[in-house]
């Protein structure tokens, strides 16, 4: 995750509101953090509806993530 796409400056990681923690807590989608990445451990069998739900959950949190690393409510 980056704060600026052009410079690729990394997103500040705020311990109290990490994007992967918010995704897990708010949506129930299981993700792992890996430095400035979000890792999806997809099941071996996933329906299209489940894939869409997962993408929607990620978008709902990442769309609220500011370049400062803060996540709005």
C-alpha atoms as a PDB file:
ATOM      1  CA  UNK A   1       0.000   0.000   0.000  1.00  0.00           C
ATOM      2  CA  UNK A   2       1.301   3.415  -0.968  1.00  0.00           C
ATOM      3  CA  UNK A   3       0.391   6.944   0.064  1.00  0.00           C
ATOM      4  CA  UNK A   4       1.267   8.325  -3.384  1.00  0.00           C
ATOM      5  CA  UNK A   5       1.031   6.264  -6.563  1.00  0.00           C
ATOM      6  CA  UNK A   6       3.497   8.444  -8.466  1.00  0.00           C
ATOM      7  CA  UNK A   7       6.309   8.458  -5.905  1.00  0.00           C
ATOM      8  CA  UNK A   8       5.327   5.056  -4.452  1.00  0.00           C
ATOM      9  CA  UNK A   9       5.907   6.444  -0.955  1.00  0.00           C
ATOM     10  CA  UNK A  10       4.683   3.792   1.505  1.00  0.00           C
ATOM     11  CA  UNK A  11       1.474   4.311   3.444  1.00  0.00           C
ATOM     12  CA  UNK A  12       2.206   5.166   7.084  1.00  0.00           C
ATOM     13  CA  UNK A  13       1.221   2.216   9.249  1.00  0.00           C
ATOM     14  CA  UNK A  14      -0.711   3.402  12.301  1.00  0.00           C
ATOM     15  CA  UNK A  15      -0.690   0.616  14.907  1.00  0.00           C
ATOM     16  CA  UNK A  16      -4.149   1.445  16.227  1.00  0.00           C
ATOM     17  CA  UNK A  17      -5.900   1.324  12.825  1.00  0.00           C
ATOM     18  CA  UNK A  18      -4.066  -0.909  10.387  1.00  0.00           C
ATOM     19  CA  UNK A  19      -6.092  -1.506   7.176  1.00  0.00           C
ATOM     20  CA  UNK A  20      -5.873  -5.304   7.470  1.00  0.00           C
ATOM     21  CA  UNK A  21      -7.173  -5.176  11.068  1.00  0.00           C
ATOM     22  CA  UNK A  22     -10.098  -2.959  10.047  1.00  0.00           C
ATOM     23  CA  UNK A  23     -10.918  -5.242   7.099  1.00  0.00           C
ATOM     24  CA  UNK A  24     -11.022  -8.294   9.387  1.00  0.00           C
ATOM     25  CA  UNK A  25     -12.991  -6.552  12.153  1.00  0.00           C
ATOM     26  CA  UNK A  26     -15.567  -4.771   9.979  1.00  0.00           C
ATOM     27  CA  UNK A  27     -16.131  -7.292   7.196  1.00  0.00           C
ATOM     28  CA  UNK A  28     -15.017 -10.664   8.488  1.00  0.00           C
ATOM     29  CA  UNK A  29     -12.783 -11.179   5.441  1.00  0.00           C
ATOM     30  CA  UNK A  30      -9.620 -12.943   6.530  1.00  0.00           C
ATOM     31  CA  UNK A  31      -6.514 -11.095   5.373  1.00  0.00           C
ATOM     32  CA  UNK A  32      -2.895 -11.065   6.540  1.00  0.00           C
ATOM     33  CA  UNK A  33      -0.558  -8.139   6.605  1.00  0.00           C
ATOM     34  CA  UNK A  34       2.840  -8.333   5.017  1.00  0.00           C
ATOM     35  CA  UNK A  35       4.653  -5.018   5.445  1.00  0.00           C
ATOM     36  CA  UNK A  36       2.792  -2.691   3.080  1.00  0.00           C
ATOM     37  CA  UNK A  37       0.728  -5.398   1.424  1.00  0.00           C
ATOM     38  CA  UNK A  38      -2.527  -7.154   2.167  1.00  0.00           C
ATOM     39  CA  UNK A  39      -2.429 -10.890   1.582  1.00  0.00           C
ATOM     40  CA  UNK A  40      -5.618 -12.780   0.762  1.00  0.00           C
ATOM     41  CA  UNK A  41      -5.544 -16.459   1.655  1.00  0.00           C
ATOM     42  CA  UNK A  42      -8.320 -17.548  -0.737  1.00  0.00           C
ATOM     43  CA  UNK A  43      -9.932 -20.925  -0.287  1.00  0.00           C
ATOM     44  CA  UNK A  44      -9.322 -23.599  -2.872  1.00  0.00           C
ATOM     45  CA  UNK A  45     -12.948 -23.298  -3.926  1.00  0.00           C
ATOM     46  CA  UNK A  46     -14.504 -19.849  -4.124  1.00  0.00           C
ATOM     47  CA  UNK A  47     -17.715 -18.859  -5.858  1.00  0.00           C
ATOM     48  CA  UNK A  48     -17.993 -15.728  -7.955  1.00  0.00           C
ATOM     49  CA  UNK A  49     -20.351 -14.260  -5.343  1.00  0.00           C
ATOM     50  CA  UNK A  50     -17.773 -14.871  -2.589  1.00  0.00           C
ATOM     51  CA  UNK A  51     -15.051 -13.274  -4.700  1.00  0.00           C
ATOM     52  CA  UNK A  52     -17.244 -10.208  -5.274  1.00  0.00           C
ATOM     53  CA  UNK A  53     -18.011  -9.997  -1.555  1.00  0.00           C
ATOM     54  CA  UNK A  54     -14.294 -10.145  -0.751  1.00  0.00           C
ATOM     55  CA  UNK A  55     -13.413  -7.421  -3.252  1.00  0.00           C
ATOM     56  CA  UNK A  56     -16.268  -5.264  -1.953  1.00  0.00           C
ATOM     57  CA  UNK A  57     -15.028  -5.650   1.614  1.00  0.00           C
ATOM     58  CA  UNK A  58     -11.496  -4.625   0.644  1.00  0.00           C
ATOM     59  CA  UNK A  59     -12.737  -1.649  -1.357  1.00  0.00           C
ATOM     60  CA  UNK A  60     -14.994  -0.459   1.460  1.00  0.00           C
ATOM     61  CA  UNK A  61     -12.036  -0.084   3.821  1.00  0.00           C
ATOM     62  CA  UNK A  62      -9.327   0.937   1.354  1.00  0.00           C
ATOM     63  CA  UNK A  63     -11.549   3.687  -0.097  1.00  0.00           C
ATOM     64  CA  UNK A  64     -11.632   5.255   3.384  1.00  0.00           C
ATOM     65  CA  UNK A  65      -7.870   4.974   3.902  1.00  0.00           C
ATOM     66  CA  UNK A  66      -6.183   8.355   3.637  1.00  0.00           C
ATOM     67  CA  UNK A  67      -2.579   8.982   2.482  1.00  0.00           C
ATOM     68  CA  UNK A  68      -1.756   9.671   6.143  1.00  0.00           C
ATOM     69  CA  UNK A  69      -2.651   6.064   6.988  1.00  0.00           C
ATOM     70  CA  UNK A  70      -5.799   7.088   8.859  1.00  0.00           C
ATOM     71  CA  UNK A  71      -9.067   5.314   8.106  1.00  0.00           C
ATOM     72  CA  UNK A  72     -12.214   7.395   8.335  1.00  0.00           C
ATOM     73  CA  UNK A  73     -15.377   5.989   9.871  1.00  0.00           C
END
